[in-house]
């Protein structure tokens, strides 16, 4: 949660979130959904996640 609330980064890559939490991709996604996050496509087709409150669903899911 703290990583997604960081004012310097609205979006974090799934790879970073998995690494820091020590979870598998599926487990990490499940936890992200539980805390109110949404997936986005980052540059380079990387999977990213952001809190919906900071990156609402009506925002373009393709992030730079």
C-alpha atoms as a PDB file:
ATOM      1  CA  UNK A   1       0.000   0.000   0.000  1.00  0.00           C
ATOM      2  CA  UNK A   2       2.798   2.425   0.891  1.00  0.00           C
ATOM      3  CA  UNK A   3       4.478   1.925  -2.469  1.00  0.00           C
ATOM      4  CA  UNK A   4       1.259   2.845  -4.279  1.00  0.00           C
ATOM      5  CA  UNK A   5       0.701   5.891  -2.050  1.00  0.00           C
ATOM      6  CA  UNK A   6       4.174   7.318  -2.748  1.00  0.00           C
ATOM      7  CA  UNK A   7       3.714  10.841  -4.139  1.00  0.00           C
ATOM      8  CA  UNK A   8       6.635  10.334  -6.549  1.00  0.00           C
ATOM      9  CA  UNK A   9       5.090   7.280  -8.265  1.00  0.00           C
ATOM     10  CA  UNK A  10       1.407   6.966  -9.145  1.00  0.00           C
ATOM     11  CA  UNK A  11       2.076   3.620 -10.837  1.00  0.00           C
ATOM     12  CA  UNK A  12       4.379   0.723  -9.934  1.00  0.00           C
ATOM     13  CA  UNK A  13       5.348  -2.236 -12.079  1.00  0.00           C
ATOM     14  CA  UNK A  14       4.040  -5.645 -11.168  1.00  0.00           C
ATOM     15  CA  UNK A  15       7.613  -6.916 -11.177  1.00  0.00           C
ATOM     16  CA  UNK A  16       8.643  -4.431  -8.490  1.00  0.00           C
ATOM     17  CA  UNK A  17       5.543  -5.120  -6.384  1.00  0.00           C
ATOM     18  CA  UNK A  18       6.107  -8.902  -6.609  1.00  0.00           C
ATOM     19  CA  UNK A  19       9.754  -8.536  -5.655  1.00  0.00           C
ATOM     20  CA  UNK A  20       9.117  -6.330  -2.639  1.00  0.00           C
ATOM     21  CA  UNK A  21       6.207  -8.415  -1.323  1.00  0.00           C
ATOM     22  CA  UNK A  22       7.721 -11.801  -2.122  1.00  0.00           C
ATOM     23  CA  UNK A  23       4.562 -12.992  -3.841  1.00  0.00           C
ATOM     24  CA  UNK A  24       3.784 -14.698  -7.138  1.00  0.00           C
ATOM     25  CA  UNK A  25       2.227 -12.668  -9.948  1.00  0.00           C
ATOM     26  CA  UNK A  26      -1.246 -14.100  -9.303  1.00  0.00           C
ATOM     27  CA  UNK A  27      -1.049 -13.613  -5.537  1.00  0.00           C
ATOM     28  CA  UNK A  28       0.235 -10.061  -5.972  1.00  0.00           C
ATOM     29  CA  UNK A  29      -2.622  -9.210  -8.366  1.00  0.00           C
ATOM     30  CA  UNK A  30      -5.168 -10.645  -5.915  1.00  0.00           C
ATOM     31  CA  UNK A  31      -3.772  -8.525  -3.079  1.00  0.00           C
ATOM     32  CA  UNK A  32      -3.681  -5.413  -5.273  1.00  0.00           C
ATOM     33  CA  UNK A  33      -7.348  -5.821  -6.172  1.00  0.00           C
ATOM     34  CA  UNK A  34      -8.205  -6.276  -2.489  1.00  0.00           C
ATOM     35  CA  UNK A  35      -6.611  -2.921  -1.587  1.00  0.00           C
ATOM     36  CA  UNK A  36      -8.407  -1.060  -4.381  1.00  0.00           C
ATOM     37  CA  UNK A  37      -5.790  -1.002  -7.131  1.00  0.00           C
ATOM     38  CA  UNK A  38      -6.214  -1.298 -10.879  1.00  0.00           C
ATOM     39  CA  UNK A  39      -3.958  -2.543 -13.629  1.00  0.00           C
ATOM     40  CA  UNK A  40      -2.475  -0.327 -16.332  1.00  0.00           C
ATOM     41  CA  UNK A  41      -0.242  -0.867 -19.349  1.00  0.00           C
ATOM     42  CA  UNK A  42       3.034   1.007 -18.978  1.00  0.00           C
ATOM     43  CA  UNK A  43       5.548   1.887 -21.683  1.00  0.00           C
ATOM     44  CA  UNK A  44       7.237  -1.165 -23.119  1.00  0.00           C
ATOM     45  CA  UNK A  45       4.009  -3.147 -22.528  1.00  0.00           C
ATOM     46  CA  UNK A  46       4.941  -3.569 -18.856  1.00  0.00           C
ATOM     47  CA  UNK A  47       2.146  -4.368 -16.409  1.00  0.00           C
ATOM     48  CA  UNK A  48       1.652  -1.645 -13.838  1.00  0.00           C
ATOM     49  CA  UNK A  49      -0.698  -1.063 -10.920  1.00  0.00           C
ATOM     50  CA  UNK A  50      -2.065   2.059  -9.252  1.00  0.00           C
ATOM     51  CA  UNK A  51      -4.589   2.816  -6.534  1.00  0.00           C
ATOM     52  CA  UNK A  52      -7.973   3.622  -8.088  1.00  0.00           C
ATOM     53  CA  UNK A  53      -8.280   6.654  -5.773  1.00  0.00           C
ATOM     54  CA  UNK A  54      -5.096   8.104  -7.319  1.00  0.00           C
ATOM     55  CA  UNK A  55      -5.563   6.797 -10.872  1.00  0.00           C
ATOM     56  CA  UNK A  56      -9.352   6.538 -11.416  1.00  0.00           C
ATOM     57  CA  UNK A  57     -10.960   4.028 -13.746  1.00  0.00           C
ATOM     58  CA  UNK A  58     -11.946   6.813 -16.152  1.00  0.00           C
ATOM     59  CA  UNK A  59      -8.235   7.565 -16.671  1.00  0.00           C
ATOM     60  CA  UNK A  60      -6.595   6.032 -19.754  1.00  0.00           C
ATOM     61  CA  UNK A  61      -5.209   2.613 -18.695  1.00  0.00           C
ATOM     62  CA  UNK A  62      -2.172   3.104 -20.973  1.00  0.00           C
ATOM     63  CA  UNK A  63       0.398   4.940 -18.878  1.00  0.00           C
ATOM     64  CA  UNK A  64       3.699   6.440 -19.944  1.00  0.00           C
END
